[in-house]
């Protein structure tokens, strides 16, 4: 079938780029880099920022992937209900679609593990 031979490679790319995109949310909160986008309350900055930065790096390189992705998934579930879920029912209406997508992408990564092109695989822990 079309692309079936590349399942492992496309999963690895999804894991790598999900982690990469997520870590930038942490750098934005902690270092105002690449830009200062949101004024988050201090408890969000000091709890979510390190989880986004460190969790994103761990998922991206595939180290302790299952635990890191599970923590990131939970963070995004909590973030959705704290910031978006009380505004409107549908994520497209309350601006929470990215939080929902991250939540379930990380949940899938935590269930599947690191896969190829990862530190976990090199350690024999994938």
N, C-alpha and C. Protein backbone atom coordinates (compact mmCIF):
# COMPACT_ATOMS: atom_id res chain seq x y z
N UNK A 1 0.83 -1.19 0.00
CA UNK A 1 0.00 0.00 0.00
C UNK A 1 0.87 1.26 0.00
N UNK A 2 0.28 2.34 -0.40
CA UNK A 2 0.96 3.62 -0.48
C UNK A 2 1.47 4.03 0.91
N UNK A 3 2.74 4.32 1.03
CA UNK A 3 3.41 4.81 2.25
C UNK A 3 3.52 3.77 3.37
N UNK A 4 2.97 2.59 3.21
CA UNK A 4 3.03 1.60 4.28
C UNK A 4 4.47 1.20 4.60
N UNK A 5 5.31 1.20 3.62
CA UNK A 5 6.72 0.84 3.84
C UNK A 5 7.45 1.89 4.68
N UNK A 6 6.87 3.05 4.82
CA UNK A 6 7.52 4.16 5.54
C UNK A 6 6.83 4.50 6.86
N UNK A 7 6.09 3.56 7.42
CA UNK A 7 5.37 3.80 8.66
C UNK A 7 6.30 4.21 9.79
N UNK A 8 7.39 3.51 9.97
CA UNK A 8 8.31 3.82 11.06
C UNK A 8 8.98 5.17 10.87
N UNK A 9 9.33 5.49 9.64
CA UNK A 9 9.99 6.77 9.37
C UNK A 9 9.03 7.94 9.57
N UNK A 10 7.78 7.80 9.11
CA UNK A 10 6.83 8.91 9.28
C UNK A 10 6.45 9.08 10.74
N UNK A 11 6.38 7.98 11.49
CA UNK A 11 6.12 8.10 12.93
C UNK A 11 7.28 8.84 13.61
N UNK A 12 8.51 8.47 13.26
CA UNK A 12 9.68 9.13 13.85
C UNK A 12 9.66 10.62 13.53
N UNK A 13 9.33 10.98 12.30
CA UNK A 13 9.25 12.40 11.93
C UNK A 13 8.15 13.11 12.73
N UNK A 14 7.01 12.44 12.93
CA UNK A 14 5.95 13.05 13.71
C UNK A 14 6.41 13.28 15.14
N UNK A 15 7.07 12.28 15.75
CA UNK A 15 7.57 12.42 17.11
C UNK A 15 8.59 13.55 17.21
N UNK A 16 9.53 13.59 16.29
CA UNK A 16 10.58 14.61 16.31
C UNK A 16 9.99 16.00 16.16
N UNK A 17 9.11 16.21 15.21
CA UNK A 17 8.58 17.55 14.98
C UNK A 17 7.54 17.96 16.01
N UNK A 18 6.83 17.01 16.59
CA UNK A 18 5.92 17.34 17.69
C UNK A 18 6.74 17.85 18.87
N UNK A 19 7.81 17.15 19.21
CA UNK A 19 8.69 17.61 20.29
C UNK A 19 9.32 18.94 19.98
N UNK A 20 9.79 19.12 18.76
CA UNK A 20 10.44 20.38 18.36
C UNK A 20 9.48 21.56 18.48
N UNK A 21 8.29 21.40 17.95
CA UNK A 21 7.31 22.50 18.03
C UNK A 21 6.90 22.78 19.47
N UNK A 22 6.80 21.73 20.28
CA UNK A 22 6.39 21.89 21.67
C UNK A 22 7.46 22.61 22.50
N UNK A 23 8.72 22.32 22.25
CA UNK A 23 9.76 22.95 23.05
C UNK A 23 9.79 24.46 22.86
N UNK A 24 9.37 24.94 21.69
CA UNK A 24 9.34 26.39 21.46
C UNK A 24 8.30 27.08 22.35
N UNK A 25 7.26 26.38 22.74
CA UNK A 25 6.30 26.96 23.68
C UNK A 25 6.99 27.19 25.03
N UNK A 26 7.87 26.26 25.41
CA UNK A 26 8.63 26.43 26.65
C UNK A 26 9.62 27.55 26.57
N UNK A 27 10.33 27.69 25.45
CA UNK A 27 11.30 28.78 25.33
C UNK A 27 10.59 30.13 25.32
N UNK A 28 9.41 30.17 24.75
CA UNK A 28 8.64 31.42 24.74
C UNK A 28 8.24 31.82 26.15
N UNK A 29 7.80 30.85 26.95
CA UNK A 29 7.39 31.16 28.32
C UNK A 29 8.57 31.50 29.21
N UNK A 30 9.66 30.75 29.09
CA UNK A 30 10.78 30.92 30.01
C UNK A 30 11.77 32.01 29.60
N UNK A 31 11.97 32.18 28.30
CA UNK A 31 13.03 33.09 27.82
C UNK A 31 12.54 34.18 26.87
N UNK A 32 11.21 34.26 26.64
CA UNK A 32 10.66 35.20 25.66
C UNK A 32 11.32 35.03 24.29
N UNK A 33 11.66 33.79 23.95
CA UNK A 33 12.31 33.51 22.68
C UNK A 33 11.52 32.44 21.94
N UNK A 34 11.24 32.58 20.69
CA UNK A 34 11.73 33.60 19.77
C UNK A 34 11.00 34.92 19.86
N UNK A 35 9.89 34.98 20.57
CA UNK A 35 9.18 36.24 20.76
C UNK A 35 8.33 36.13 22.01
N UNK A 36 7.97 37.26 22.58
CA UNK A 36 7.07 37.27 23.72
C UNK A 36 5.65 37.35 23.16
N UNK A 37 4.92 36.25 23.25
CA UNK A 37 3.60 36.17 22.62
C UNK A 37 2.47 36.33 23.64
N UNK A 38 2.58 35.66 24.77
CA UNK A 38 1.50 35.64 25.74
C UNK A 38 1.99 36.11 27.10
N UNK A 39 1.11 36.72 27.84
CA UNK A 39 1.39 37.05 29.24
C UNK A 39 0.70 36.01 30.10
N UNK A 40 1.41 34.97 30.40
CA UNK A 40 0.85 33.88 31.21
C UNK A 40 1.09 34.18 32.68
N UNK A 41 0.20 33.71 33.55
CA UNK A 41 0.41 33.87 34.99
C UNK A 41 1.70 33.16 35.41
N UNK A 42 2.34 33.63 36.48
CA UNK A 42 3.62 33.04 36.91
C UNK A 42 3.55 31.53 37.13
N UNK A 43 2.46 31.01 37.71
CA UNK A 43 2.40 29.57 37.95
C UNK A 43 2.41 28.79 36.65
N UNK A 44 1.86 29.35 35.59
CA UNK A 44 1.89 28.69 34.28
C UNK A 44 3.30 28.73 33.71
N UNK A 45 3.94 29.88 33.84
CA UNK A 45 5.30 30.03 33.31
C UNK A 45 6.24 29.04 33.98
N UNK A 46 6.17 28.93 35.30
CA UNK A 46 7.14 28.12 36.04
C UNK A 46 6.78 26.65 36.15
N UNK A 47 5.55 26.28 35.81
CA UNK A 47 5.19 24.86 35.76
C UNK A 47 5.15 24.37 34.32
N UNK A 48 4.41 25.06 33.47
CA UNK A 48 4.26 24.60 32.09
C UNK A 48 5.53 24.83 31.27
N UNK A 49 6.21 25.94 31.49
CA UNK A 49 7.40 26.26 30.70
C UNK A 49 8.46 25.17 30.73
N UNK A 50 8.90 24.73 31.92
CA UNK A 50 9.90 23.66 31.95
C UNK A 50 9.40 22.33 31.39
N UNK A 51 8.12 22.01 31.62
CA UNK A 51 7.59 20.77 31.06
C UNK A 51 7.59 20.84 29.54
N UNK A 52 7.19 21.98 28.99
CA UNK A 52 7.18 22.13 27.53
C UNK A 52 8.60 22.07 26.96
N UNK A 53 9.53 22.77 27.59
CA UNK A 53 10.89 22.81 27.09
C UNK A 53 11.59 21.45 27.24
N UNK A 54 11.64 20.93 28.45
CA UNK A 54 12.35 19.68 28.70
C UNK A 54 11.61 18.50 28.08
N UNK A 55 10.28 18.47 28.25
CA UNK A 55 9.49 17.40 27.65
C UNK A 55 9.59 17.40 26.14
N UNK A 56 9.56 18.58 25.54
CA UNK A 56 9.70 18.67 24.08
C UNK A 56 11.04 18.15 23.60
N UNK A 57 12.11 18.51 24.31
CA UNK A 57 13.44 18.02 23.94
C UNK A 57 13.51 16.50 24.08
N UNK A 58 13.00 15.98 25.21
CA UNK A 58 13.05 14.53 25.44
C UNK A 58 12.28 13.76 24.37
N UNK A 59 11.10 14.25 24.02
CA UNK A 59 10.31 13.59 22.98
C UNK A 59 11.01 13.71 21.63
N UNK A 60 11.54 14.88 21.34
CA UNK A 60 12.20 15.10 20.06
C UNK A 60 13.38 14.15 19.86
N UNK A 61 14.24 14.02 20.88
CA UNK A 61 15.41 13.14 20.72
C UNK A 61 15.08 11.69 21.04
N UNK A 62 13.92 11.45 21.63
CA UNK A 62 13.50 10.09 21.93
C UNK A 62 14.19 9.51 23.14
N UNK A 63 14.26 10.29 24.22
CA UNK A 63 14.87 9.82 25.47
C UNK A 63 13.80 9.84 26.55
N UNK A 64 13.62 8.72 27.24
CA UNK A 64 12.54 8.59 28.24
C UNK A 64 11.21 9.00 27.62
N UNK A 65 11.03 8.58 26.40
CA UNK A 65 9.95 9.09 25.56
C UNK A 65 8.56 8.84 26.12
N UNK A 66 8.32 7.63 26.58
CA UNK A 66 6.96 7.31 27.07
C UNK A 66 6.57 8.19 28.24
N UNK A 67 7.45 8.34 29.22
CA UNK A 67 7.14 9.15 30.40
C UNK A 67 7.04 10.63 30.05
N UNK A 68 7.97 11.12 29.23
CA UNK A 68 7.95 12.53 28.85
C UNK A 68 6.67 12.86 28.07
N UNK A 69 6.31 12.00 27.12
CA UNK A 69 5.11 12.24 26.32
C UNK A 69 3.85 12.16 27.17
N UNK A 70 3.82 11.24 28.13
CA UNK A 70 2.66 11.13 29.00
C UNK A 70 2.50 12.40 29.85
N UNK A 71 3.60 12.92 30.37
CA UNK A 71 3.54 14.16 31.15
C UNK A 71 3.10 15.32 30.28
N UNK A 72 3.62 15.41 29.07
CA UNK A 72 3.22 16.48 28.15
C UNK A 72 1.74 16.36 27.78
N UNK A 73 1.26 15.15 27.60
CA UNK A 73 -0.15 14.93 27.29
C UNK A 73 -1.03 15.43 28.43
N UNK A 74 -0.66 15.08 29.65
CA UNK A 74 -1.43 15.55 30.81
C UNK A 74 -1.40 17.05 30.96
N UNK A 75 -0.25 17.65 30.68
CA UNK A 75 -0.14 19.11 30.75
C UNK A 75 -1.11 19.75 29.76
N UNK A 76 -1.18 19.21 28.57
CA UNK A 76 -2.06 19.79 27.55
C UNK A 76 -3.53 19.56 27.87
N UNK A 77 -3.85 18.44 28.50
CA UNK A 77 -5.24 18.24 28.94
C UNK A 77 -5.61 19.26 30.00
N UNK A 78 -4.72 19.47 30.97
CA UNK A 78 -4.98 20.47 32.01
C UNK A 78 -5.04 21.87 31.42
N UNK A 79 -4.14 22.18 30.50
CA UNK A 79 -4.12 23.50 29.87
C UNK A 79 -5.42 23.76 29.12
N UNK A 80 -5.93 22.73 28.45
CA UNK A 80 -7.18 22.90 27.71
C UNK A 80 -8.30 23.30 28.66
N UNK A 81 -8.44 22.56 29.75
CA UNK A 81 -9.56 22.84 30.65
C UNK A 81 -9.36 24.12 31.46
N UNK A 82 -8.14 24.52 31.70
CA UNK A 82 -7.88 25.76 32.43
C UNK A 82 -8.10 26.99 31.55
N UNK A 83 -7.68 26.91 30.29
CA UNK A 83 -7.67 28.10 29.45
C UNK A 83 -8.76 28.13 28.38
N UNK A 84 -9.24 26.98 27.96
CA UNK A 84 -10.13 26.96 26.80
C UNK A 84 -11.49 26.32 27.07
N UNK A 85 -11.49 25.19 27.76
CA UNK A 85 -12.69 24.38 27.89
C UNK A 85 -13.87 25.05 28.57
N UNK A 86 -13.59 26.06 29.37
CA UNK A 86 -14.68 26.77 30.05
C UNK A 86 -15.28 27.88 29.18
N UNK A 87 -14.65 28.17 28.04
CA UNK A 87 -15.11 29.27 27.19
C UNK A 87 -16.24 28.87 26.24
N UNK A 88 -16.09 27.70 25.63
CA UNK A 88 -17.09 27.17 24.69
C UNK A 88 -16.85 25.67 24.56
N UNK A 89 -17.82 24.93 24.08
CA UNK A 89 -17.70 23.48 24.03
C UNK A 89 -16.72 23.00 22.97
N UNK A 90 -16.81 23.55 21.77
CA UNK A 90 -15.99 23.07 20.66
C UNK A 90 -14.62 23.75 20.63
N UNK A 91 -13.55 22.96 20.48
CA UNK A 91 -12.20 23.54 20.46
C UNK A 91 -12.00 24.60 19.38
N UNK A 92 -12.64 24.45 18.25
CA UNK A 92 -12.48 25.45 17.19
C UNK A 92 -13.06 26.79 17.62
N UNK A 93 -14.02 26.77 18.54
CA UNK A 93 -14.64 28.01 19.02
C UNK A 93 -13.90 28.61 20.21
N UNK A 94 -13.22 27.78 21.00
CA UNK A 94 -12.57 28.31 22.20
C UNK A 94 -11.05 28.45 22.05
N UNK A 95 -10.53 28.19 20.86
CA UNK A 95 -9.10 28.36 20.60
C UNK A 95 -8.23 27.25 21.17
N UNK A 96 -8.83 26.15 21.59
CA UNK A 96 -8.07 25.08 22.22
C UNK A 96 -7.71 23.92 21.32
N UNK A 97 -7.87 24.09 20.00
CA UNK A 97 -7.61 22.96 19.11
C UNK A 97 -6.16 22.52 19.14
N UNK A 98 -5.21 23.42 19.30
CA UNK A 98 -3.80 23.02 19.38
C UNK A 98 -3.52 22.24 20.66
N UNK A 99 -4.11 22.65 21.77
CA UNK A 99 -3.94 21.92 23.02
C UNK A 99 -4.51 20.50 22.91
N UNK A 100 -5.65 20.35 22.28
CA UNK A 100 -6.25 19.03 22.09
C UNK A 100 -5.36 18.17 21.19
N UNK A 101 -4.89 18.75 20.11
CA UNK A 101 -4.03 18.00 19.19
C UNK A 101 -2.74 17.56 19.87
N UNK A 102 -2.08 18.46 20.60
CA UNK A 102 -0.89 18.09 21.36
C UNK A 102 -1.21 16.99 22.37
N UNK A 103 -2.31 17.13 23.08
CA UNK A 103 -2.68 16.15 24.10
C UNK A 103 -2.75 14.75 23.51
N UNK A 104 -3.44 14.59 22.40
CA UNK A 104 -3.61 13.26 21.83
C UNK A 104 -2.39 12.80 21.05
N UNK A 105 -1.63 13.70 20.47
CA UNK A 105 -0.37 13.31 19.82
C UNK A 105 0.60 12.76 20.86
N UNK A 106 0.72 13.46 21.99
CA UNK A 106 1.61 12.98 23.05
C UNK A 106 1.09 11.69 23.68
N UNK A 107 -0.21 11.56 23.81
CA UNK A 107 -0.77 10.32 24.34
C UNK A 107 -0.42 9.14 23.44
N UNK A 108 -0.53 9.34 22.13
CA UNK A 108 -0.15 8.29 21.18
C UNK A 108 1.34 7.97 21.27
N UNK A 109 2.17 9.00 21.35
CA UNK A 109 3.61 8.78 21.47
C UNK A 109 3.93 8.02 22.75
N UNK A 110 3.25 8.34 23.84
CA UNK A 110 3.51 7.64 25.10
C UNK A 110 3.12 6.16 25.00
N UNK A 111 2.10 5.87 24.23
CA UNK A 111 1.68 4.47 24.06
C UNK A 111 2.59 3.71 23.10
N UNK A 112 3.04 4.36 22.07
CA UNK A 112 3.85 3.67 21.06
C UNK A 112 5.34 3.64 21.40
N UNK A 113 5.83 4.63 22.12
CA UNK A 113 7.25 4.67 22.44
C UNK A 113 8.04 5.46 21.42
N UNK A 114 9.35 5.44 21.57
CA UNK A 114 10.21 6.30 20.76
C UNK A 114 10.31 5.86 19.31
N UNK A 115 10.46 4.58 19.07
CA UNK A 115 10.63 4.10 17.71
C UNK A 115 12.04 4.36 17.19
N UNK A 116 12.16 4.37 15.87
CA UNK A 116 13.48 4.53 15.25
C UNK A 116 13.96 5.97 15.41
N UNK A 117 15.23 6.17 15.15
CA UNK A 117 15.89 7.48 15.20
C UNK A 117 15.75 8.11 16.57
N UNK A 118 15.97 7.34 17.62
CA UNK A 118 15.81 7.84 18.97
C UNK A 118 16.92 7.34 19.88
N UNK A 119 17.14 8.06 20.96
CA UNK A 119 18.10 7.63 21.98
C UNK A 119 17.59 6.35 22.65
N UNK A 120 16.29 6.28 22.91
CA UNK A 120 15.72 5.07 23.51
C UNK A 120 16.02 3.83 22.67
N UNK A 121 15.90 3.97 21.36
CA UNK A 121 16.21 2.83 20.48
C UNK A 121 17.69 2.47 20.58
N UNK A 122 18.54 3.45 20.59
CA UNK A 122 19.98 3.20 20.69
C UNK A 122 20.34 2.52 22.03
N UNK A 123 19.59 2.85 23.09
CA UNK A 123 19.81 2.24 24.40
C UNK A 123 19.13 0.88 24.52
N UNK A 124 18.33 0.52 23.54
CA UNK A 124 17.59 -0.73 23.59
C UNK A 124 16.36 -0.65 24.46
N UNK A 125 15.85 0.58 24.67
CA UNK A 125 14.69 0.79 25.53
C UNK A 125 13.47 1.27 24.77
N UNK A 126 13.50 1.24 23.44
CA UNK A 126 12.38 1.75 22.64
C UNK A 126 11.23 0.78 22.73
